[in-house]
N, C-alpha and C. Protein backbone atom coordinates (compact mmCIF):
# COMPACT_ATOMS: atom_id res chain seq x y z
N UNK A 1 0.73 -6.81 -10.75
CA UNK A 1 1.29 -6.87 -12.09
C UNK A 1 0.75 -8.09 -12.83
N UNK A 2 0.44 -7.91 -14.10
CA UNK A 2 -0.07 -8.99 -14.92
C UNK A 2 1.08 -9.67 -15.66
N UNK A 3 0.77 -10.79 -16.28
CA UNK A 3 1.78 -11.50 -17.07
C UNK A 3 2.31 -10.62 -18.20
N UNK A 4 1.40 -9.86 -18.81
CA UNK A 4 1.79 -9.02 -19.95
C UNK A 4 2.68 -7.85 -19.50
N UNK A 5 2.38 -7.28 -18.32
CA UNK A 5 3.22 -6.18 -17.84
C UNK A 5 4.61 -6.69 -17.45
N UNK A 6 4.66 -7.88 -16.87
CA UNK A 6 5.95 -8.47 -16.52
C UNK A 6 6.76 -8.78 -17.78
N UNK A 7 6.10 -9.38 -18.78
CA UNK A 7 6.77 -9.71 -20.04
C UNK A 7 7.25 -8.45 -20.75
N UNK A 8 6.39 -7.44 -20.79
CA UNK A 8 6.76 -6.20 -21.45
C UNK A 8 7.90 -5.49 -20.75
N UNK A 9 7.84 -5.45 -19.41
CA UNK A 9 8.91 -4.82 -18.63
C UNK A 9 10.22 -5.56 -18.82
N UNK A 10 10.16 -6.89 -18.83
CA UNK A 10 11.37 -7.71 -19.00
C UNK A 10 12.00 -7.48 -20.36
N UNK A 11 11.17 -7.47 -21.40
CA UNK A 11 11.69 -7.27 -22.76
C UNK A 11 12.31 -5.89 -22.91
N UNK A 12 11.62 -4.87 -22.39
CA UNK A 12 12.14 -3.51 -22.50
C UNK A 12 13.43 -3.35 -21.71
N UNK A 13 13.48 -3.96 -20.53
CA UNK A 13 14.68 -3.87 -19.69
C UNK A 13 15.85 -4.55 -20.37
N UNK A 14 15.59 -5.66 -21.05
CA UNK A 14 16.66 -6.37 -21.76
C UNK A 14 17.24 -5.50 -22.87
N UNK A 15 16.35 -4.87 -23.65
CA UNK A 15 16.81 -4.01 -24.74
C UNK A 15 17.64 -2.85 -24.20
N UNK A 16 17.19 -2.28 -23.09
CA UNK A 16 17.91 -1.16 -22.49
C UNK A 16 19.25 -1.60 -21.92
N UNK A 17 19.29 -2.81 -21.34
CA UNK A 17 20.52 -3.29 -20.72
C UNK A 17 21.60 -3.61 -21.76
N UNK A 18 21.20 -4.15 -22.92
CA UNK A 18 22.20 -4.53 -23.93
C UNK A 18 22.69 -3.32 -24.72
N UNK A 19 22.00 -2.20 -24.59
CA UNK A 19 22.43 -0.98 -25.29
C UNK A 19 23.72 -0.47 -24.66
N UNK A 20 24.78 -0.32 -25.45
CA UNK A 20 26.07 0.12 -24.88
C UNK A 20 25.97 1.47 -24.19
N UNK A 21 26.57 1.55 -23.02
CA UNK A 21 26.63 2.77 -22.23
C UNK A 21 27.81 2.67 -21.28
N UNK A 22 27.96 3.64 -20.37
CA UNK A 22 29.10 3.62 -19.44
C UNK A 22 29.22 2.32 -18.65
N UNK A 23 28.08 1.74 -18.22
CA UNK A 23 28.13 0.49 -17.48
C UNK A 23 28.70 -0.66 -18.30
N UNK A 24 28.27 -0.75 -19.55
CA UNK A 24 28.79 -1.79 -20.45
C UNK A 24 30.27 -1.58 -20.71
N UNK A 25 30.66 -0.32 -20.94
CA UNK A 25 32.05 -0.03 -21.26
C UNK A 25 32.98 -0.40 -20.11
N UNK A 26 32.60 -0.03 -18.88
CA UNK A 26 33.47 -0.34 -17.73
C UNK A 26 33.50 -1.84 -17.47
N UNK A 27 32.37 -2.52 -17.70
CA UNK A 27 32.32 -3.97 -17.51
C UNK A 27 33.23 -4.69 -18.49
N UNK A 28 33.14 -4.34 -19.76
CA UNK A 28 33.95 -4.97 -20.79
C UNK A 28 35.44 -4.67 -20.57
N UNK A 29 35.76 -3.42 -20.30
CA UNK A 29 37.17 -3.06 -20.13
C UNK A 29 37.77 -3.73 -18.91
N UNK A 30 36.98 -3.85 -17.84
CA UNK A 30 37.48 -4.53 -16.63
C UNK A 30 37.69 -6.01 -16.89
N UNK A 31 36.78 -6.64 -17.63
CA UNK A 31 36.92 -8.06 -17.95
C UNK A 31 38.12 -8.30 -18.86
N UNK A 32 38.35 -7.40 -19.80
CA UNK A 32 39.52 -7.52 -20.68
C UNK A 32 40.82 -7.41 -19.89
N UNK A 33 40.81 -6.56 -18.87
CA UNK A 33 42.03 -6.31 -18.11
C UNK A 33 42.28 -7.36 -17.04
N UNK A 34 41.20 -7.81 -16.35
CA UNK A 34 41.40 -8.63 -15.16
C UNK A 34 40.64 -9.94 -15.14
N UNK A 35 39.85 -10.23 -16.16
CA UNK A 35 39.11 -11.48 -16.19
C UNK A 35 37.70 -11.36 -15.64
N UNK A 36 36.94 -12.44 -15.79
CA UNK A 36 35.51 -12.44 -15.46
C UNK A 36 35.25 -12.25 -13.97
N UNK A 37 35.93 -13.02 -13.12
CA UNK A 37 35.66 -12.99 -11.68
C UNK A 37 35.92 -11.62 -11.07
N UNK A 38 36.97 -10.95 -11.52
CA UNK A 38 37.28 -9.62 -10.98
C UNK A 38 36.29 -8.57 -11.43
N UNK A 39 35.45 -8.90 -12.39
CA UNK A 39 34.45 -7.95 -12.90
C UNK A 39 33.12 -8.05 -12.14
N UNK A 40 32.90 -9.17 -11.46
CA UNK A 40 31.61 -9.38 -10.77
C UNK A 40 31.29 -8.29 -9.73
N UNK A 41 32.27 -7.82 -8.93
CA UNK A 41 31.94 -6.72 -8.00
C UNK A 41 31.52 -5.44 -8.72
N UNK A 42 32.12 -5.19 -9.88
CA UNK A 42 31.74 -4.01 -10.67
C UNK A 42 30.28 -4.13 -11.10
N UNK A 43 29.91 -5.32 -11.57
CA UNK A 43 28.52 -5.56 -12.00
C UNK A 43 27.57 -5.40 -10.81
N UNK A 44 27.98 -5.93 -9.65
CA UNK A 44 27.15 -5.79 -8.45
C UNK A 44 26.94 -4.32 -8.10
N UNK A 45 27.97 -3.51 -8.27
CA UNK A 45 27.85 -2.08 -8.01
C UNK A 45 26.90 -1.40 -8.97
N UNK A 46 26.99 -1.76 -10.25
CA UNK A 46 26.10 -1.18 -11.26
C UNK A 46 24.64 -1.54 -10.97
N UNK A 47 24.40 -2.81 -10.65
CA UNK A 47 23.03 -3.26 -10.34
C UNK A 47 22.50 -2.57 -9.09
N UNK A 48 23.34 -2.45 -8.07
CA UNK A 48 22.92 -1.78 -6.83
C UNK A 48 22.53 -0.34 -7.08
N UNK A 49 23.32 0.36 -7.88
CA UNK A 49 23.00 1.74 -8.21
C UNK A 49 21.67 1.87 -8.92
N UNK A 50 21.42 0.96 -9.86
CA UNK A 50 20.14 0.98 -10.57
C UNK A 50 18.98 0.69 -9.62
N UNK A 51 19.16 -0.23 -8.69
CA UNK A 51 18.10 -0.56 -7.74
C UNK A 51 17.79 0.63 -6.83
N UNK A 52 18.82 1.35 -6.43
CA UNK A 52 18.61 2.54 -5.59
C UNK A 52 17.74 3.55 -6.32
N UNK A 53 18.08 3.84 -7.56
CA UNK A 53 17.30 4.81 -8.34
C UNK A 53 15.91 4.26 -8.68
N UNK A 54 15.82 2.96 -8.90
CA UNK A 54 14.52 2.34 -9.16
C UNK A 54 13.59 2.54 -7.96
N UNK A 55 14.09 2.29 -6.76
CA UNK A 55 13.27 2.47 -5.56
C UNK A 55 12.95 3.94 -5.33
N UNK A 56 13.89 4.81 -5.64
CA UNK A 56 13.61 6.25 -5.57
C UNK A 56 12.41 6.59 -6.45
N UNK A 57 12.42 6.05 -7.67
CA UNK A 57 11.33 6.34 -8.61
C UNK A 57 10.01 5.77 -8.11
N UNK A 58 10.03 4.53 -7.62
CA UNK A 58 8.80 3.87 -7.16
C UNK A 58 8.19 4.60 -5.98
N UNK A 59 9.02 5.03 -5.05
CA UNK A 59 8.51 5.68 -3.84
C UNK A 59 8.43 7.20 -3.97
N UNK A 60 8.57 7.71 -5.19
CA UNK A 60 8.39 9.13 -5.42
C UNK A 60 9.43 10.00 -4.76
N UNK A 61 10.68 9.56 -4.78
CA UNK A 61 11.74 10.31 -4.12
C UNK A 61 12.59 11.12 -5.10
N UNK A 62 12.03 11.41 -6.25
CA UNK A 62 12.77 12.18 -7.25
C UNK A 62 13.16 13.55 -6.70
N UNK A 63 12.27 14.14 -5.90
CA UNK A 63 12.55 15.46 -5.33
C UNK A 63 13.77 15.40 -4.41
N UNK A 64 13.89 14.30 -3.65
CA UNK A 64 15.05 14.13 -2.78
C UNK A 64 16.32 14.00 -3.60
N UNK A 65 16.22 13.27 -4.70
CA UNK A 65 17.38 13.10 -5.58
C UNK A 65 17.83 14.44 -6.13
N UNK A 66 16.87 15.31 -6.46
CA UNK A 66 17.22 16.64 -6.96
C UNK A 66 17.86 17.48 -5.86
N UNK A 67 17.38 17.30 -4.60
CA UNK A 67 17.94 18.05 -3.48
C UNK A 67 19.40 17.70 -3.28
N UNK A 68 19.73 16.43 -3.47
CA UNK A 68 21.10 15.97 -3.29
C UNK A 68 21.87 15.93 -4.60
N UNK A 69 21.48 16.81 -5.52
CA UNK A 69 22.12 16.82 -6.84
C UNK A 69 23.61 17.09 -6.74
N UNK A 70 24.01 17.96 -5.81
CA UNK A 70 25.43 18.27 -5.64
C UNK A 70 26.22 17.04 -5.20
N UNK A 71 25.61 16.25 -4.30
CA UNK A 71 26.27 15.03 -3.84
C UNK A 71 26.48 14.06 -4.98
N UNK A 72 25.44 13.91 -5.82
CA UNK A 72 25.55 13.02 -6.97
C UNK A 72 26.61 13.53 -7.95
N UNK A 73 26.72 14.84 -8.06
CA UNK A 73 27.71 15.43 -8.95
C UNK A 73 29.12 15.11 -8.46
N UNK A 74 29.31 15.18 -7.13
CA UNK A 74 30.61 14.84 -6.55
C UNK A 74 30.94 13.37 -6.81
N UNK A 75 29.94 12.50 -6.62
CA UNK A 75 30.13 11.07 -6.88
C UNK A 75 30.51 10.86 -8.34
N UNK A 76 29.87 11.62 -9.20
CA UNK A 76 30.15 11.51 -10.64
C UNK A 76 31.60 11.87 -10.94
N UNK A 77 32.08 12.99 -10.33
CA UNK A 77 33.46 13.40 -10.54
C UNK A 77 34.44 12.35 -10.00
N UNK A 78 34.15 11.83 -8.81
CA UNK A 78 35.03 10.82 -8.22
C UNK A 78 35.06 9.55 -9.07
N UNK A 79 33.88 9.12 -9.52
CA UNK A 79 33.81 7.92 -10.36
C UNK A 79 34.54 8.11 -11.67
N UNK A 80 34.34 9.27 -12.30
CA UNK A 80 35.02 9.54 -13.58
C UNK A 80 36.53 9.60 -13.39
N UNK A 81 36.96 10.26 -12.31
CA UNK A 81 38.39 10.35 -12.03
C UNK A 81 39.01 8.99 -11.77
N UNK A 82 38.25 8.14 -11.06
CA UNK A 82 38.73 6.79 -10.77
C UNK A 82 38.89 5.97 -12.04
N UNK A 83 37.93 6.09 -12.95
CA UNK A 83 38.01 5.36 -14.21
C UNK A 83 39.21 5.82 -15.03
N UNK A 84 39.43 7.13 -15.10
CA UNK A 84 40.56 7.66 -15.85
C UNK A 84 41.87 7.18 -15.24
N UNK A 85 41.93 7.19 -13.91
CA UNK A 85 43.13 6.73 -13.21
C UNK A 85 43.40 5.26 -13.49
N UNK A 86 42.36 4.43 -13.45
CA UNK A 86 42.52 3.00 -13.77
C UNK A 86 42.98 2.81 -15.21
N UNK A 87 42.41 3.60 -16.12
CA UNK A 87 42.80 3.51 -17.52
C UNK A 87 44.27 3.82 -17.73
N UNK A 88 44.75 4.85 -17.04
CA UNK A 88 46.16 5.22 -17.14
C UNK A 88 47.04 4.10 -16.58
N UNK A 89 46.61 3.50 -15.47
CA UNK A 89 47.37 2.39 -14.88
C UNK A 89 47.43 1.20 -15.83
N UNK A 90 46.33 0.94 -16.52
CA UNK A 90 46.33 -0.16 -17.49
C UNK A 90 47.35 0.08 -18.59
N UNK A 91 47.47 1.32 -19.01
CA UNK A 91 48.43 1.65 -20.06
C UNK A 91 49.87 1.49 -19.58
N UNK A 92 50.11 1.78 -18.29
CA UNK A 92 51.49 1.89 -17.81
C UNK A 92 52.00 0.64 -17.10
N UNK A 93 51.08 -0.28 -16.71
CA UNK A 93 51.48 -1.41 -15.88
C UNK A 93 51.61 -2.69 -16.68
N UNK A 94 52.55 -3.53 -16.26
CA UNK A 94 52.74 -4.85 -16.86
C UNK A 94 51.46 -5.67 -16.68
N UNK A 95 51.02 -6.44 -17.69
CA UNK A 95 49.76 -7.19 -17.60
C UNK A 95 49.62 -8.04 -16.34
N UNK A 96 50.65 -8.79 -15.95
CA UNK A 96 50.55 -9.66 -14.79
C UNK A 96 50.41 -8.85 -13.51
N UNK A 97 51.18 -7.79 -13.39
CA UNK A 97 51.10 -6.95 -12.20
C UNK A 97 49.77 -6.24 -12.12
N UNK A 98 49.22 -5.89 -13.28
CA UNK A 98 47.94 -5.17 -13.30
C UNK A 98 46.83 -6.04 -12.77
N UNK A 99 46.86 -7.32 -13.08
CA UNK A 99 45.81 -8.22 -12.61
C UNK A 99 45.85 -8.36 -11.10
N UNK A 100 47.07 -8.43 -10.53
CA UNK A 100 47.20 -8.54 -9.08
C UNK A 100 46.73 -7.25 -8.41
N UNK A 101 47.15 -6.11 -8.98
CA UNK A 101 46.78 -4.83 -8.38
C UNK A 101 45.28 -4.60 -8.45
N UNK A 102 44.68 -5.00 -9.57
CA UNK A 102 43.26 -4.73 -9.76
C UNK A 102 42.42 -5.47 -8.75
N UNK A 103 42.89 -6.64 -8.27
CA UNK A 103 42.11 -7.44 -7.34
C UNK A 103 41.99 -6.77 -5.98
N UNK A 104 42.81 -5.74 -5.71
CA UNK A 104 42.80 -5.08 -4.41
C UNK A 104 41.99 -3.78 -4.43
N UNK A 105 41.46 -3.41 -5.57
CA UNK A 105 40.77 -2.13 -5.70
C UNK A 105 39.30 -2.25 -5.34
N UNK A 106 38.68 -1.11 -5.14
CA UNK A 106 37.26 -1.08 -4.77
C UNK A 106 36.41 -1.18 -6.03
N UNK A 107 36.33 -2.39 -6.55
CA UNK A 107 35.63 -2.58 -7.82
C UNK A 107 34.13 -2.32 -7.68
N UNK A 108 33.57 -2.73 -6.55
CA UNK A 108 32.14 -2.50 -6.33
C UNK A 108 31.81 -1.01 -6.37
N UNK A 109 32.63 -0.20 -5.71
CA UNK A 109 32.38 1.24 -5.66
C UNK A 109 32.52 1.88 -7.04
N UNK A 110 33.41 1.35 -7.86
CA UNK A 110 33.56 1.91 -9.20
C UNK A 110 32.29 1.67 -10.02
N UNK A 111 31.70 0.46 -9.88
CA UNK A 111 30.45 0.18 -10.58
C UNK A 111 29.30 1.00 -10.03
N UNK A 112 29.26 1.14 -8.69
CA UNK A 112 28.20 1.92 -8.05
C UNK A 112 28.26 3.39 -8.46
N UNK A 113 29.47 3.93 -8.51
CA UNK A 113 29.61 5.35 -8.83
C UNK A 113 29.22 5.66 -10.28
N UNK A 114 29.38 4.65 -11.16
CA UNK A 114 28.98 4.84 -12.55
C UNK A 114 27.49 5.17 -12.63
N UNK A 115 26.68 4.44 -11.84
CA UNK A 115 25.24 4.66 -11.87
C UNK A 115 24.82 5.84 -11.01
N UNK A 116 25.32 5.92 -9.77
CA UNK A 116 24.92 7.01 -8.88
C UNK A 116 25.40 8.36 -9.38
N UNK A 117 26.45 8.33 -10.20
CA UNK A 117 26.95 9.58 -10.76
C UNK A 117 26.09 10.12 -11.87
N UNK A 118 25.01 9.40 -12.18
CA UNK A 118 24.10 9.84 -13.25
C UNK A 118 22.67 9.85 -12.72
N UNK A 119 22.27 10.89 -11.97
CA UNK A 119 20.92 10.95 -11.39
C UNK A 119 19.82 10.99 -12.44
N UNK A 120 20.18 11.16 -13.71
CA UNK A 120 19.16 11.11 -14.76
C UNK A 120 18.53 9.72 -14.87
N UNK A 121 19.20 8.72 -14.27
CA UNK A 121 18.66 7.37 -14.30
C UNK A 121 17.31 7.32 -13.60
N UNK A 122 17.18 8.07 -12.49
CA UNK A 122 15.90 8.07 -11.78
C UNK A 122 14.80 8.67 -12.63
N UNK A 123 15.14 9.69 -13.41
CA UNK A 123 14.16 10.30 -14.31
C UNK A 123 13.78 9.31 -15.41
N UNK A 124 14.75 8.51 -15.81
CA UNK A 124 14.46 7.47 -16.80
C UNK A 124 13.45 6.48 -16.25
N UNK A 125 13.68 6.02 -15.02
CA UNK A 125 12.75 5.06 -14.42
C UNK A 125 11.38 5.68 -14.20
N UNK A 126 11.33 6.96 -13.85
CA UNK A 126 10.05 7.63 -13.66
C UNK A 126 9.25 7.69 -14.95
N UNK A 127 9.96 7.82 -16.07
CA UNK A 127 9.27 7.86 -17.36
C UNK A 127 9.04 6.49 -17.95
N UNK A 128 9.85 5.51 -17.52
CA UNK A 128 9.83 4.18 -18.10
C UNK A 128 8.80 3.26 -17.43
N UNK A 129 8.80 3.25 -16.10
CA UNK A 129 7.94 2.32 -15.36
C UNK A 129 6.45 2.52 -15.60
N UNK A 130 5.94 3.76 -15.63
CA UNK A 130 4.50 3.94 -15.80
C UNK A 130 3.94 3.35 -17.10
N UNK A 131 4.83 3.08 -18.05
CA UNK A 131 4.40 2.44 -19.29
C UNK A 131 3.85 1.04 -19.03
N UNK A 132 4.38 0.40 -17.98
CA UNK A 132 4.04 -0.99 -17.71
C UNK A 132 3.25 -1.19 -16.41
N UNK A 133 3.41 -0.29 -15.44
CA UNK A 133 2.74 -0.47 -14.15
C UNK A 133 2.21 0.87 -13.64
N UNK A 134 1.23 0.79 -12.76
CA UNK A 134 0.70 1.97 -12.07
C UNK A 134 1.49 2.14 -10.78
N UNK A 135 2.34 3.16 -10.73
CA UNK A 135 3.22 3.34 -9.58
C UNK A 135 2.45 3.61 -8.29
N UNK A 136 1.22 4.09 -8.42
CA UNK A 136 0.41 4.40 -7.23
C UNK A 136 -0.34 3.19 -6.70
N UNK A 137 -0.28 2.08 -7.40
CA UNK A 137 -1.06 0.90 -6.99
C UNK A 137 -0.20 -0.34 -6.84
N UNK A 138 1.09 -0.15 -6.57
CA UNK A 138 2.00 -1.28 -6.46
C UNK A 138 1.95 -1.89 -5.06
N UNK A 139 1.88 -3.22 -5.02
CA UNK A 139 1.96 -3.92 -3.74
C UNK A 139 3.43 -4.22 -3.44
N UNK A 140 3.69 -4.72 -2.24
CA UNK A 140 5.06 -5.10 -1.88
C UNK A 140 5.59 -6.18 -2.81
N UNK A 141 4.71 -7.10 -3.20
CA UNK A 141 5.12 -8.16 -4.12
C UNK A 141 5.46 -7.59 -5.49
N UNK A 142 4.68 -6.59 -5.95
CA UNK A 142 4.96 -5.95 -7.23
C UNK A 142 6.33 -5.27 -7.21
N UNK A 143 6.62 -4.56 -6.11
CA UNK A 143 7.90 -3.87 -6.00
C UNK A 143 9.05 -4.87 -6.00
N UNK A 144 8.87 -5.95 -5.27
CA UNK A 144 9.89 -7.00 -5.26
C UNK A 144 10.07 -7.59 -6.65
N UNK A 145 8.98 -7.81 -7.35
CA UNK A 145 9.04 -8.39 -8.70
C UNK A 145 9.77 -7.47 -9.66
N UNK A 146 9.47 -6.17 -9.59
CA UNK A 146 10.14 -5.20 -10.47
C UNK A 146 11.63 -5.15 -10.17
N UNK A 147 11.97 -5.09 -8.88
CA UNK A 147 13.38 -5.05 -8.48
C UNK A 147 14.10 -6.31 -8.94
N UNK A 148 13.42 -7.46 -8.85
CA UNK A 148 14.03 -8.72 -9.29
C UNK A 148 14.24 -8.73 -10.79
N UNK A 149 13.26 -8.26 -11.54
CA UNK A 149 13.37 -8.21 -13.00
C UNK A 149 14.54 -7.32 -13.41
N UNK A 150 14.59 -6.13 -12.83
CA UNK A 150 15.65 -5.18 -13.19
C UNK A 150 17.02 -5.73 -12.84
N UNK A 151 17.17 -6.22 -11.60
CA UNK A 151 18.49 -6.68 -11.16
C UNK A 151 18.94 -7.94 -11.89
N UNK A 152 18.03 -8.88 -12.11
CA UNK A 152 18.42 -10.13 -12.76
C UNK A 152 18.76 -9.92 -14.23
N UNK A 153 17.96 -9.12 -14.94
CA UNK A 153 18.25 -8.89 -16.36
C UNK A 153 19.50 -8.06 -16.53
N UNK A 154 19.62 -6.98 -15.76
CA UNK A 154 20.80 -6.13 -15.85
C UNK A 154 22.05 -6.92 -15.47
N UNK A 155 21.96 -7.69 -14.38
CA UNK A 155 23.10 -8.49 -13.96
C UNK A 155 23.48 -9.55 -14.98
N UNK A 156 22.47 -10.20 -15.57
CA UNK A 156 22.74 -11.24 -16.56
C UNK A 156 23.39 -10.67 -17.82
N UNK A 157 22.88 -9.53 -18.28
CA UNK A 157 23.44 -8.92 -19.49
C UNK A 157 24.87 -8.47 -19.25
N UNK A 158 25.12 -7.81 -18.12
CA UNK A 158 26.48 -7.36 -17.79
C UNK A 158 27.42 -8.54 -17.62
N UNK A 159 26.92 -9.62 -17.02
CA UNK A 159 27.74 -10.82 -16.85
C UNK A 159 28.09 -11.44 -18.20
N UNK A 160 27.13 -11.41 -19.12
CA UNK A 160 27.39 -11.92 -20.46
C UNK A 160 28.47 -11.11 -21.16
N UNK A 161 28.37 -9.78 -21.06
CA UNK A 161 29.41 -8.93 -21.63
C UNK A 161 30.77 -9.24 -21.01
N UNK A 162 30.78 -9.37 -19.67
CA UNK A 162 32.03 -9.63 -18.97
C UNK A 162 32.62 -10.99 -19.35
N UNK A 163 31.77 -12.00 -19.41
CA UNK A 163 32.24 -13.34 -19.75
C UNK A 163 32.78 -13.38 -21.18
N UNK A 164 32.07 -12.75 -22.10
CA UNK A 164 32.51 -12.72 -23.50
C UNK A 164 33.86 -12.02 -23.62
N UNK A 165 34.01 -10.89 -22.91
CA UNK A 165 35.27 -10.16 -22.97
C UNK A 165 36.40 -10.96 -22.34
N UNK A 166 36.11 -11.64 -21.23
CA UNK A 166 37.15 -12.43 -20.57
C UNK A 166 37.57 -13.63 -21.42
N UNK A 167 36.62 -14.22 -22.14
CA UNK A 167 36.96 -15.32 -23.05
C UNK A 167 37.85 -14.83 -24.20
N UNK A 168 37.53 -13.65 -24.69
CA UNK A 168 38.38 -13.07 -25.74
C UNK A 168 39.78 -12.84 -25.20
N UNK A 169 39.88 -12.44 -23.96
CA UNK A 169 41.18 -12.23 -23.32
C UNK A 169 41.96 -13.53 -23.21
N UNK A 170 41.26 -14.62 -22.90
CA UNK A 170 41.93 -15.91 -22.72
C UNK A 170 42.49 -16.46 -24.03
N UNK A 171 41.93 -15.99 -25.15
CA UNK A 171 42.41 -16.47 -26.45
C UNK A 171 43.80 -15.94 -26.77
N UNK A 172 44.18 -14.87 -26.10
CA UNK A 172 45.46 -14.22 -26.40
C UNK A 172 46.34 -14.27 -25.16
N UNK A 173 47.15 -15.32 -25.08
CA UNK A 173 47.91 -15.58 -23.88
C UNK A 173 49.25 -14.85 -23.84
N UNK A 174 49.80 -14.53 -25.00
CA UNK A 174 51.15 -13.97 -24.96
C UNK A 174 51.13 -12.55 -24.39
N UNK A 175 52.24 -12.20 -23.78
CA UNK A 175 52.35 -10.95 -23.03
C UNK A 175 52.11 -9.72 -23.90
N UNK A 176 52.64 -9.74 -25.11
CA UNK A 176 52.52 -8.57 -25.98
C UNK A 176 51.05 -8.31 -26.34
N UNK A 177 50.32 -9.40 -26.65
CA UNK A 177 48.91 -9.24 -27.00
C UNK A 177 48.11 -8.76 -25.81
N UNK A 178 48.40 -9.31 -24.61
CA UNK A 178 47.68 -8.87 -23.42
C UNK A 178 47.97 -7.41 -23.11
N UNK A 179 49.19 -6.98 -23.41
CA UNK A 179 49.54 -5.58 -23.22
C UNK A 179 48.68 -4.70 -24.13
N UNK A 180 48.52 -5.12 -25.39
CA UNK A 180 47.67 -4.36 -26.32
C UNK A 180 46.22 -4.35 -25.85
N UNK A 181 45.75 -5.48 -25.32
CA UNK A 181 44.37 -5.55 -24.83
C UNK A 181 44.19 -4.63 -23.61
N UNK A 182 45.21 -4.57 -22.75
CA UNK A 182 45.15 -3.65 -21.62
C UNK A 182 45.10 -2.20 -22.08
N UNK A 183 45.83 -1.92 -23.16
CA UNK A 183 45.81 -0.56 -23.70
C UNK A 183 44.44 -0.21 -24.25
N UNK A 184 43.80 -1.20 -24.92
CA UNK A 184 42.43 -0.98 -25.42
C UNK A 184 41.47 -0.77 -24.25
N UNK A 185 41.57 -1.65 -23.24
CA UNK A 185 40.70 -1.53 -22.07
C UNK A 185 40.95 -0.21 -21.35
N UNK A 186 42.22 0.17 -21.23
CA UNK A 186 42.55 1.44 -20.59
C UNK A 186 41.98 2.62 -21.34
N UNK A 187 42.05 2.56 -22.67
CA UNK A 187 41.49 3.64 -23.49
C UNK A 187 39.99 3.75 -23.30
N UNK A 188 39.31 2.58 -23.20
CA UNK A 188 37.86 2.59 -22.98
C UNK A 188 37.53 3.21 -21.62
N UNK A 189 38.31 2.85 -20.59
CA UNK A 189 38.07 3.42 -19.26
C UNK A 189 38.28 4.93 -19.26
N UNK A 190 39.37 5.37 -19.88
CA UNK A 190 39.65 6.80 -19.94
C UNK A 190 38.55 7.51 -20.72
N UNK A 191 38.11 6.91 -21.83
CA UNK A 191 37.04 7.50 -22.62
C UNK A 191 35.73 7.57 -21.87
N UNK A 192 35.41 6.50 -21.11
CA UNK A 192 34.17 6.48 -20.34
C UNK A 192 34.21 7.53 -19.24
N UNK A 193 35.35 7.62 -18.54
CA UNK A 193 35.49 8.64 -17.50
C UNK A 193 35.39 10.04 -18.06
N UNK A 194 36.00 10.26 -19.21
CA UNK A 194 35.94 11.58 -19.86
C UNK A 194 34.52 11.91 -20.30
N UNK A 195 33.80 10.89 -20.78
CA UNK A 195 32.41 11.08 -21.20
C UNK A 195 31.54 11.49 -20.02
N UNK A 196 31.77 10.85 -18.86
CA UNK A 196 31.01 11.21 -17.66
C UNK A 196 31.26 12.66 -17.27
N UNK A 197 32.51 13.09 -17.38
CA UNK A 197 32.84 14.49 -17.06
C UNK A 197 32.21 15.44 -18.09
N UNK A 198 32.22 15.04 -19.35
CA UNK A 198 31.69 15.88 -20.42
C UNK A 198 30.18 16.09 -20.27
N UNK A 199 29.49 15.07 -19.75
CA UNK A 199 28.04 15.16 -19.60
C UNK A 199 27.59 15.95 -18.40
N UNK A 200 28.54 16.48 -17.63
CA UNK A 200 28.17 17.26 -16.44
C UNK A 200 27.33 18.47 -16.81
């Protein structure tokens, strides 16, 4: 990889990462509901899912992804259902109790399912990467560099969204306001889960 391909890939990845989508929505809503630290496992799950599909694309495993399309569809349903369930809990639970309960949930898996539930991501990488690199001529160092670029930029952008949302949450300390913020976050989760189901 050349300096220009790295710079171009980094810039394009940044633009794609900041574009609102299910990953951004779940990150922001989780940060609004439970704070920045409780959102980090969700971000780790989102990044891991992207890395899995990235490696699938690099090693030409798109055919395998299509073979396991039913499995990805099941993951998508489970992830969407989990988001809707969390959204309903945010609406119905007291803000303080919600924060304690949320810390015990499988936040990493919720982030992972958001990405793995959308196998179109691998098709995106298959169409996106060749713009900057020759997939047939990548060395181990090139693959590591691409994975590092994708994970670091995606993780940084999601962390920024999470931190900004958690700071907004800290500005409103009273219980009534936090309840309203939980309702907003819950609505976003329910909407994101419903969107995932609608895109089936």
